[in-house]
Amino acid sequence: MADKGGMDKMKGKAKEMTGKVTGDRGKQAEGKMDQAKGEAKKSMDDVRDRAQEKRDSMKRRDA
């Protein structure tokens, strides 16, 4: 994933702000959930990247 959850975080922030302005608590909650989803994607991608780096370094060491 190229954006590592960034789009979800931006979309969530926009929804949250819209909800605050309009007084729509449901929209605010949706926005916070989207932001959490984006953060989770970022964390998963970070772990995946670190695992890939570790695997690659082990391959180079064994070669």
PDB file of N, CA and C in Angstrom:
ATOM      1  N   MET A   1       0.846  -1.177   0.000  1.00  0.00           N
ATOM      2  CA  MET A   1       0.000   0.000   0.000  1.00  0.00           C
ATOM      3  C   MET A   1       0.885   1.231   0.000  1.00  0.00           C
ATOM      4  N   ALA A   2       0.664   2.102  -0.935  1.00  0.00           N
ATOM      5  CA  ALA A   2       1.534   3.245  -1.108  1.00  0.00           C
ATOM      6  C   ALA A   2       1.316   4.325  -0.063  1.00  0.00           C
ATOM      7  N   ASP A   3       0.065   4.597   0.295  1.00  0.00           N
ATOM      8  CA  ASP A   3      -0.177   5.733   1.191  1.00  0.00           C
ATOM      9  C   ASP A   3      -0.167   5.358   2.663  1.00  0.00           C
ATOM     10  N   LYS A   4      -0.071   4.072   2.976  1.00  0.00           N
ATOM     11  CA  LYS A   4       0.010   3.588   4.347  1.00  0.00           C
ATOM     12  C   LYS A   4      -1.079   4.152   5.252  1.00  0.00           C
ATOM     13  N   GLY A   5      -2.299   4.172   4.750  1.00  0.00           N
ATOM     14  CA  GLY A   5      -3.425   4.616   5.562  1.00  0.00           C
ATOM     15  C   GLY A   5      -3.661   6.111   5.578  1.00  0.00           C
ATOM     16  N   GLY A   6      -2.857   6.836   4.869  1.00  0.00           N
ATOM     17  CA  GLY A   6      -2.964   8.302   4.866  1.00  0.00           C
ATOM     18  C   GLY A   6      -4.296   8.811   4.338  1.00  0.00           C
ATOM     19  N   MET A   7      -4.801   8.157   3.306  1.00  0.00           N
ATOM     20  CA  MET A   7      -6.091   8.597   2.751  1.00  0.00           C
ATOM     21  C   MET A   7      -7.218   8.384   3.752  1.00  0.00           C
ATOM     22  N   ASP A   8      -7.205   7.261   4.453  1.00  0.00           N
ATOM     23  CA  ASP A   8      -8.232   7.011   5.464  1.00  0.00           C
ATOM     24  C   ASP A   8      -8.144   8.046   6.578  1.00  0.00           C
ATOM     25  N   LYS A   9      -6.931   8.384   6.972  1.00  0.00           N
ATOM     26  CA  LYS A   9      -6.754   9.369   8.037  1.00  0.00           C
ATOM     27  C   LYS A   9      -7.257  10.744   7.602  1.00  0.00           C
ATOM     28  N   MET A  10      -6.946  11.142   6.363  1.00  0.00           N
ATOM     29  CA  MET A  10      -7.411  12.443   5.865  1.00  0.00           C
ATOM     30  C   MET A  10      -8.929  12.462   5.724  1.00  0.00           C
ATOM     31  N   LYS A  11      -9.476  11.393   5.166  1.00  0.00           N
ATOM     32  CA  LYS A  11     -10.928  11.302   4.999  1.00  0.00           C
ATOM     33  C   LYS A  11     -11.600  11.345   6.365  1.00  0.00           C
ATOM     34  N   GLY A  12     -11.036  10.642   7.321  1.00  0.00           N
ATOM     35  CA  GLY A  12     -11.593  10.620   8.662  1.00  0.00           C
ATOM     36  C   GLY A  12     -11.558  11.982   9.329  1.00  0.00           C
ATOM     37  N   LYS A  13     -10.472  12.684   9.150  1.00  0.00           N
ATOM     38  CA  LYS A  13     -10.353  14.027   9.744  1.00  0.00           C
ATOM     39  C   LYS A  13     -11.395  14.959   9.142  1.00  0.00           C
ATOM     40  N   ALA A  14     -11.597  14.853   7.839  1.00  0.00           N
ATOM     41  CA  ALA A  14     -12.596  15.686   7.172  1.00  0.00           C
ATOM     42  C   ALA A  14     -14.005  15.367   7.689  1.00  0.00           C
ATOM     43  N   LYS A  15     -14.311  14.084   7.839  1.00  0.00           N
ATOM     44  CA  LYS A  15     -15.619  13.689   8.361  1.00  0.00           C
ATOM     45  C   LYS A  15     -15.809  14.179   9.788  1.00  0.00           C
ATOM     46  N   GLU A  16     -14.758  14.033  10.591  1.00  0.00           N
ATOM     47  CA  GLU A  16     -14.850  14.466  11.982  1.00  0.00           C
ATOM     48  C   GLU A  16     -15.113  15.973  12.061  1.00  0.00           C
ATOM     49  N   MET A  17     -14.397  16.739  11.266  1.00  0.00           N
ATOM     50  CA  MET A  17     -14.571  18.198  11.283  1.00  0.00           C
ATOM     51  C   MET A  17     -15.962  18.583  10.774  1.00  0.00           C
ATOM     52  N   THR A  18     -16.429  17.899   9.730  1.00  0.00           N
ATOM     53  CA  THR A  18     -17.779  18.155   9.220  1.00  0.00           C
ATOM     54  C   THR A  18     -18.808  17.868  10.300  1.00  0.00           C
ATOM     55  N   GLY A  19     -18.617  16.774  10.998  1.00  0.00           N
ATOM     56  CA  GLY A  19     -19.523  16.421  12.083  1.00  0.00           C
ATOM     57  C   GLY A  19     -19.518  17.447  13.195  1.00  0.00           C
ATOM     58  N   LYS A  20     -18.354  17.988  13.523  1.00  0.00           N
ATOM     59  CA  LYS A  20     -18.265  19.016  14.560  1.00  0.00           C
ATOM     60  C   LYS A  20     -19.008  20.273  14.132  1.00  0.00           C
ATOM     61  N   VAL A  21     -18.804  20.682  12.890  1.00  0.00           N
ATOM     62  CA  VAL A  21     -19.427  21.908  12.388  1.00  0.00           C
ATOM     63  C   VAL A  21     -20.951  21.777  12.336  1.00  0.00           C
ATOM     64  N   THR A  22     -21.417  20.621  11.906  1.00  0.00           N
ATOM     65  CA  THR A  22     -22.864  20.430  11.747  1.00  0.00           C
ATOM     66  C   THR A  22     -23.543  19.880  12.998  1.00  0.00           C
ATOM     67  N   GLY A  23     -22.752  19.503  13.996  1.00  0.00           N
ATOM     68  CA  GLY A  23     -23.320  18.933  15.208  1.00  0.00           C
ATOM     69  C   GLY A  23     -23.758  17.489  15.046  1.00  0.00           C
ATOM     70  N   ASP A  24     -23.250  16.810  14.031  1.00  0.00           N
ATOM     71  CA  ASP A  24     -23.603  15.428  13.738  1.00  0.00           C
ATOM     72  C   ASP A  24     -22.607  14.490  14.431  1.00  0.00           C
ATOM     73  N   ARG A  25     -23.023  13.975  15.584  1.00  0.00           N
ATOM     74  CA  ARG A  25     -22.128  13.110  16.358  1.00  0.00           C
ATOM     75  C   ARG A  25     -21.809  11.810  15.625  1.00  0.00           C
ATOM     76  N   GLY A  26     -22.752  11.319  14.842  1.00  0.00           N
ATOM     77  CA  GLY A  26     -22.515  10.104  14.063  1.00  0.00           C
ATOM     78  C   GLY A  26     -21.402  10.306  13.057  1.00  0.00           C
ATOM     79  N   LYS A  27     -21.419  11.456  12.393  1.00  0.00           N
ATOM     80  CA  LYS A  27     -20.370  11.772  11.407  1.00  0.00           C
ATOM     81  C   LYS A  27     -19.025  11.933  12.110  1.00  0.00           C
ATOM     82  N   GLN A  28     -19.031  12.528  13.296  1.00  0.00           N
ATOM     83  CA  GLN A  28     -17.790  12.666  14.058  1.00  0.00           C
ATOM     84  C   GLN A  28     -17.228  11.284  14.398  1.00  0.00           C
ATOM     85  N   ALA A  29     -18.093  10.389  14.851  1.00  0.00           N
ATOM     86  CA  ALA A  29     -17.656   9.040  15.210  1.00  0.00           C
ATOM     87  C   ALA A  29     -17.123   8.298  13.991  1.00  0.00           C
ATOM     88  N   GLU A  30     -17.817   8.456  12.857  1.00  0.00           N
ATOM     89  CA  GLU A  30     -17.343   7.842  11.611  1.00  0.00           C
ATOM     90  C   GLU A  30     -15.943   8.327  11.276  1.00  0.00           C
ATOM     91  N   GLY A  31     -15.744   9.621  11.427  1.00  0.00           N
ATOM     92  CA  GLY A  31     -14.440  10.201  11.136  1.00  0.00           C
ATOM     93  C   GLY A  31     -13.352   9.645  12.031  1.00  0.00           C
ATOM     94  N   LYS A  32     -13.662   9.507  13.304  1.00  0.00           N
ATOM     95  CA  LYS A  32     -12.668   8.952  14.227  1.00  0.00           C
ATOM     96  C   LYS A  32     -12.368   7.496  13.885  1.00  0.00           C
ATOM     97  N   MET A  33     -13.384   6.755  13.471  1.00  0.00           N
ATOM     98  CA  MET A  33     -13.165   5.358  13.076  1.00  0.00           C
ATOM     99  C   MET A  33     -12.293   5.280  11.819  1.00  0.00           C
ATOM    100  N   ASP A  34     -12.542   6.154  10.859  1.00  0.00           N
ATOM    101  CA  ASP A  34     -11.721   6.174   9.648  1.00  0.00           C
ATOM    102  C   ASP A  34     -10.267   6.497   9.991  1.00  0.00           C
ATOM    103  N   GLN A  35     -10.080   7.419  10.919  1.00  0.00           N
ATOM    104  CA  GLN A  35      -8.717   7.768  11.318  1.00  0.00           C
ATOM    105  C   GLN A  35      -8.029   6.580  11.992  1.00  0.00           C
ATOM    106  N   ALA A  36      -8.762   5.868  12.840  1.00  0.00           N
ATOM    107  CA  ALA A  36      -8.202   4.685  13.500  1.00  0.00           C
ATOM    108  C   ALA A  36      -7.863   3.607  12.470  1.00  0.00           C
ATOM    109  N   LYS A  37      -8.733   3.453  11.472  1.00  0.00           N
ATOM    110  CA  LYS A  37      -8.493   2.487  10.400  1.00  0.00           C
ATOM    111  C   LYS A  37      -7.204   2.848   9.655  1.00  0.00           C
ATOM    112  N   GLY A  38      -7.023   4.121   9.369  1.00  0.00           N
ATOM    113  CA  GLY A  38      -5.814   4.570   8.690  1.00  0.00           C
ATOM    114  C   GLY A  38      -4.565   4.318   9.515  1.00  0.00           C
ATOM    115  N   GLU A  39      -4.668   4.556  10.813  1.00  0.00           N
ATOM    116  CA  GLU A  39      -3.537   4.320  11.699  1.00  0.00           C
ATOM    117  C   GLU A  39      -3.209   2.825  11.770  1.00  0.00           C
ATOM    118  N   ALA A  40      -4.241   1.990  11.787  1.00  0.00           N
ATOM    119  CA  ALA A  40      -4.025   0.537  11.809  1.00  0.00           C
ATOM    120  C   ALA A  40      -3.342   0.077  10.524  1.00  0.00           C
ATOM    121  N   LYS A  41      -3.777   0.615   9.386  1.00  0.00           N
ATOM    122  CA  LYS A  41      -3.138   0.259   8.113  1.00  0.00           C
ATOM    123  C   LYS A  41      -1.668   0.655   8.128  1.00  0.00           C
ATOM    124  N   LYS A  42      -1.388   1.844   8.652  1.00  0.00           N
ATOM    125  CA  LYS A  42      -0.002   2.320   8.718  1.00  0.00           C
ATOM    126  C   LYS A  42       0.826   1.383   9.576  1.00  0.00           C
ATOM    127  N   SER A  43       0.293   0.983  10.719  1.00  0.00           N
ATOM    128  CA  SER A  43       1.015   0.079  11.613  1.00  0.00           C
ATOM    129  C   SER A  43       1.270  -1.268  10.947  1.00  0.00           C
ATOM    130  N   MET A  44       0.262  -1.804  10.279  1.00  0.00           N
ATOM    131  CA  MET A  44       0.436  -3.092   9.598  1.00  0.00           C
ATOM    132  C   MET A  44       1.492  -2.995   8.509  1.00  0.00           C
ATOM    133  N   ASP A  45       1.464  -1.914   7.752  1.00  0.00           N
ATOM    134  CA  ASP A  45       2.458  -1.738   6.694  1.00  0.00           C
ATOM    135  C   ASP A  45       3.863  -1.583   7.267  1.00  0.00           C
ATOM    136  N   ASP A  46       3.982  -0.874   8.392  1.00  0.00           N
ATOM    137  CA  ASP A  46       5.291  -0.714   9.028  1.00  0.00           C
ATOM    138  C   ASP A  46       5.845  -2.068   9.464  1.00  0.00           C
ATOM    139  N   VAL A  47       4.996  -2.889  10.067  1.00  0.00           N
ATOM    140  CA  VAL A  47       5.426  -4.228  10.491  1.00  0.00           C
ATOM    141  C   VAL A  47       5.820  -5.065   9.280  1.00  0.00           C
ATOM    142  N   ARG A  48       5.014  -5.000   8.228  1.00  0.00           N
ATOM    143  CA  ARG A  48       5.312  -5.754   7.012  1.00  0.00           C
ATOM    144  C   ARG A  48       6.654  -5.310   6.424  1.00  0.00           C
ATOM    145  N   ASP A  49       6.898  -3.988   6.399  1.00  0.00           N
ATOM    146  CA  ASP A  49       8.157  -3.479   5.867  1.00  0.00           C
ATOM    147  C   ASP A  49       9.345  -3.955   6.691  1.00  0.00           C
ATOM    148  N   ARG A  50       9.205  -3.923   8.019  1.00  0.00           N
ATOM    149  CA  ARG A  50      10.307  -4.375   8.875  1.00  0.00           C
ATOM    150  C   ARG A  50      10.572  -5.866   8.692  1.00  0.00           C
ATOM    151  N   ALA A  51       9.514  -6.642   8.554  1.00  0.00           N
ATOM    152  CA  ALA A  51       9.682  -8.086   8.336  1.00  0.00           C
ATOM    153  C   ALA A  51      10.381  -8.342   7.003  1.00  0.00           C
ATOM    154  N   GLN A  52      10.003  -7.591   5.980  1.00  0.00           N
ATOM    155  CA  GLN A  52      10.636  -7.734   4.667  1.00  0.00           C
ATOM    156  C   GLN A  52      12.115  -7.372   4.740  1.00  0.00           C
ATOM    157  N   GLU A  53      12.434  -6.291   5.434  1.00  0.00           N
ATOM    158  CA  GLU A  53      13.831  -5.885   5.582  1.00  0.00           C
ATOM    159  C   GLU A  53      14.635  -6.959   6.315  1.00  0.00           C
ATOM    160  N   LYS A  54      14.054  -7.514   7.365  1.00  0.00           N
ATOM    161  CA  LYS A  54      14.732  -8.560   8.137  1.00  0.00           C
ATOM    162  C   LYS A  54      14.975  -9.790   7.260  1.00  0.00           C
ATOM    163  N   ARG A  55      13.942 -10.189   6.508  1.00  0.00           N
ATOM    164  CA  ARG A  55      14.074 -11.345   5.631  1.00  0.00           C
ATOM    165  C   ARG A  55      15.166 -11.107   4.585  1.00  0.00           C
ATOM    166  N   ASP A  56      15.166  -9.908   4.002  1.00  0.00           N
ATOM    167  CA  ASP A  56      16.182  -9.579   3.000  1.00  0.00           C
ATOM    168  C   ASP A  56      17.582  -9.590   3.579  1.00  0.00           C
ATOM    169  N   SER A  57      17.728  -9.061   4.802  1.00  0.00           N
ATOM    170  CA  SER A  57      19.056  -9.034   5.408  1.00  0.00           C
ATOM    171  C   SER A  57      19.541 -10.442   5.750  1.00  0.00           C
ATOM    172  N   MET A  58      18.615 -11.319   6.116  1.00  0.00           N
ATOM    173  CA  MET A  58      18.990 -12.708   6.398  1.00  0.00           C
ATOM    174  C   MET A  58      19.398 -13.437   5.117  1.00  0.00           C
ATOM    175  N   LYS A  59      18.726 -13.134   4.015  1.00  0.00           N
ATOM    176  CA  LYS A  59      19.090 -13.738   2.728  1.00  0.00           C
ATOM    177  C   LYS A  59      20.492 -13.305   2.310  1.00  0.00           C
ATOM    178  N   ARG A  60      20.802 -12.006   2.493  1.00  0.00           N
ATOM    179  CA  ARG A  60      22.126 -11.510   2.123  1.00  0.00           C
ATOM    180  C   ARG A  60      23.214 -12.146   2.993  1.00  0.00           C
ATOM    181  N   ARG A  61      22.894 -12.328   4.265  1.00  0.00           N
ATOM    182  CA  ARG A  61      23.858 -12.913   5.197  1.00  0.00           C
ATOM    183  C   ARG A  61      24.142 -14.357   4.836  1.00  0.00           C
ATOM    184  N   ASP A  62      23.112 -15.079   4.426  1.00  0.00           N
ATOM    185  CA  ASP A  62      23.258 -16.496   4.099  1.00  0.00           C
ATOM    186  C   ASP A  62      23.889 -16.722   2.723  1.00  0.00           C
ATOM    187  N   ALA A  63      23.901 -15.700   1.894  1.00  0.00           N
ATOM    188  CA  ALA A  63      24.402 -15.864   0.519  1.00  0.00           C
ATOM    189  C   ALA A  63      25.889 -15.926   0.438  1.00  0.00           C
TER     190      ALA A  63
END
